Amino acid sequence: MPFCRAANGTLAASAAPGPLCAMANLLVVTGWIARLRAQRWGKEVLLAVVLTLAAAIFIATALMGQEAHVEAKPPYAAADK
């Protein structure tokens, strides 16, 4: 079925925005997903740093408490009685 040149140009022009619009939407969605992944990664790194610091503080406090407890006791008690 032959088309005239005007009809062919109209069909080509009306079909072009579809793929271009889909590609633009894909770029927007891809950027949005990348931003969400970066935010999640950042939150995970922050959580890991906070938990590591908390563990280090807990261990240091436990070691200091143990050292203070050892220093408070006399090494040997004299049994003079």
C-alpha atoms as a PDB file:
ATOM      1  CA  MET A   1       0.000   0.000   0.000  1.00  0.00           C
ATOM      2  CA  PRO A   2       1.822   3.150  -1.106  1.00  0.00           C
ATOM      3  CA  PHE A   3       1.837   6.287   1.053  1.00  0.00           C
ATOM      4  CA  CYS A   4       2.186   9.817  -0.121  1.00  0.00           C
ATOM      5  CA  ARG A   5       5.249  11.752   1.026  1.00  0.00           C
ATOM      6  CA  ALA A   6       3.236  13.943   3.439  1.00  0.00           C
ATOM      7  CA  ALA A   7       1.607  10.964   5.117  1.00  0.00           C
ATOM      8  CA  ASN A   8       4.928   9.145   5.412  1.00  0.00           C
ATOM      9  CA  GLY A   9       6.556  12.180   7.034  1.00  0.00           C
ATOM     10  CA  THR A  10       3.636  12.547   9.451  1.00  0.00           C
ATOM     11  CA  LEU A  11       3.853   8.899  10.476  1.00  0.00           C
ATOM     12  CA  ALA A  12       7.618   9.129  10.973  1.00  0.00           C
ATOM     13  CA  ALA A  13       7.330  12.316  13.026  1.00  0.00           C
ATOM     14  CA  SER A  14       4.601  10.914  15.250  1.00  0.00           C
ATOM     15  CA  ALA A  15       6.531   7.692  15.899  1.00  0.00           C
ATOM     16  CA  ALA A  16       9.794   9.382  16.867  1.00  0.00           C
ATOM     17  CA  PRO A  17       8.813  10.865  20.255  1.00  0.00           C
ATOM     18  CA  GLY A  18       7.802   7.463  21.597  1.00  0.00           C
ATOM     19  CA  PRO A  19      11.283   5.910  21.741  1.00  0.00           C
ATOM     20  CA  LEU A  20      12.890   9.234  22.649  1.00  0.00           C
ATOM     21  CA  CYS A  21      10.453   9.723  25.490  1.00  0.00           C
ATOM     22  CA  ALA A  22      11.034   6.149  26.670  1.00  0.00           C
ATOM     23  CA  MET A  23      14.786   6.701  26.594  1.00  0.00           C
ATOM     24  CA  ALA A  24      14.435   9.947  28.546  1.00  0.00           C
ATOM     25  CA  ASN A  25      12.273   8.197  31.125  1.00  0.00           C
ATOM     26  CA  LEU A  26      14.808   5.380  31.334  1.00  0.00           C
ATOM     27  CA  LEU A  27      17.604   7.872  31.987  1.00  0.00           C
ATOM     28  CA  VAL A  28      15.566   9.581  34.707  1.00  0.00           C
ATOM     29  CA  VAL A  29      14.667   6.284  36.371  1.00  0.00           C
ATOM     30  CA  THR A  30      18.245   5.009  36.103  1.00  0.00           C
ATOM     31  CA  GLY A  31      19.540   8.185  37.744  1.00  0.00           C
ATOM     32  CA  TRP A  32      16.946   7.917  40.475  1.00  0.00           C
ATOM     33  CA  ILE A  33      17.876   4.288  41.182  1.00  0.00           C
ATOM     34  CA  ALA A  34      21.585   5.164  41.241  1.00  0.00           C
ATOM     35  CA  ARG A  35      20.913   7.971  43.729  1.00  0.00           C
ATOM     36  CA  LEU A  36      18.909   5.629  45.984  1.00  0.00           C
ATOM     37  CA  ARG A  37      21.676   3.014  45.867  1.00  0.00           C
ATOM     38  CA  ALA A  38      24.256   5.653  46.780  1.00  0.00           C
ATOM     39  CA  GLN A  39      22.135   6.838  49.701  1.00  0.00           C
ATOM     40  CA  ARG A  40      21.680   3.273  50.947  1.00  0.00           C
ATOM     41  CA  TRP A  41      25.410   2.603  50.587  1.00  0.00           C
ATOM     42  CA  GLY A  42      26.181   5.760  52.515  1.00  0.00           C
ATOM     43  CA  LYS A  43      23.825   4.768  55.315  1.00  0.00           C
ATOM     44  CA  GLU A  44      25.399   1.303  55.510  1.00  0.00           C
ATOM     45  CA  VAL A  45      28.893   2.786  55.722  1.00  0.00           C
ATOM     46  CA  LEU A  46      27.792   5.203  58.441  1.00  0.00           C
ATOM     47  CA  LEU A  47      26.188   2.360  60.401  1.00  0.00           C
ATOM     48  CA  ALA A  48      29.361   0.264  60.088  1.00  0.00           C
ATOM     49  CA  VAL A  49      31.503   3.144  61.360  1.00  0.00           C
ATOM     50  CA  VAL A  50      29.192   3.801  64.308  1.00  0.00           C
ATOM     51  CA  LEU A  51      29.078   0.124  65.285  1.00  0.00           C
ATOM     52  CA  THR A  52      32.866  -0.185  65.012  1.00  0.00           C
ATOM     53  CA  LEU A  53      33.378   2.855  67.242  1.00  0.00           C
ATOM     54  CA  ALA A  54      30.860   1.524  69.758  1.00  0.00           C
ATOM     55  CA  ALA A  55      32.631  -1.845  69.868  1.00  0.00           C
ATOM     56  CA  ALA A  56      36.032  -0.176  70.315  1.00  0.00           C
ATOM     57  CA  ILE A  57      34.712   1.996  73.151  1.00  0.00           C
ATOM     58  CA  PHE A  58      33.067  -1.028  74.803  1.00  0.00           C
ATOM     59  CA  ILE A  59      36.288  -3.069  74.617  1.00  0.00           C
ATOM     60  CA  ALA A  60      38.435  -0.181  75.869  1.00  0.00           C
ATOM     61  CA  THR A  61      36.057   0.426  78.772  1.00  0.00           C
ATOM     62  CA  ALA A  62      36.097  -3.255  79.678  1.00  0.00           C
ATOM     63  CA  LEU A  63      39.901  -3.373  79.608  1.00  0.00           C
ATOM     64  CA  MET A  64      40.213  -0.208  81.714  1.00  0.00           C
ATOM     65  CA  GLY A  65      37.747  -1.545  84.235  1.00  0.00           C
ATOM     66  CA  GLN A  66      39.635  -4.807  84.438  1.00  0.00           C
ATOM     67  CA  GLU A  67      42.959  -3.018  84.963  1.00  0.00           C
ATOM     68  CA  ALA A  68      41.484  -0.792  87.676  1.00  0.00           C
ATOM     69  CA  HIS A  69      39.998  -3.839  89.375  1.00  0.00           C
ATOM     70  CA  VAL A  70      43.371  -5.639  89.373  1.00  0.00           C
ATOM     71  CA  GLU A  71      45.224  -2.609  90.762  1.00  0.00           C
ATOM     72  CA  ALA A  72      42.750  -2.158  93.597  1.00  0.00           C
ATOM     73  CA  LYS A  73      43.360  -5.630  95.044  1.00  0.00           C
ATOM     74  CA  PRO A  74      46.540  -6.284  96.974  1.00  0.00           C
ATOM     75  CA  PRO A  75      48.677  -8.912  95.272  1.00  0.00           C
ATOM     76  CA  TYR A  76      48.889 -11.099  98.372  1.00  0.00           C
ATOM     77  CA  ALA A  77      47.049 -10.835 101.645  1.00  0.00           C
ATOM     78  CA  ALA A  78      49.108 -11.466 104.756  1.00  0.00           C
ATOM     79  CA  ALA A  79      47.683 -14.246 106.873  1.00  0.00           C
ATOM     80  CA  ASP A  80      49.027 -13.203 110.302  1.00  0.00           C
ATOM     81  CA  LYS A  81      46.133 -14.485 112.328  1.00  0.00           C
END
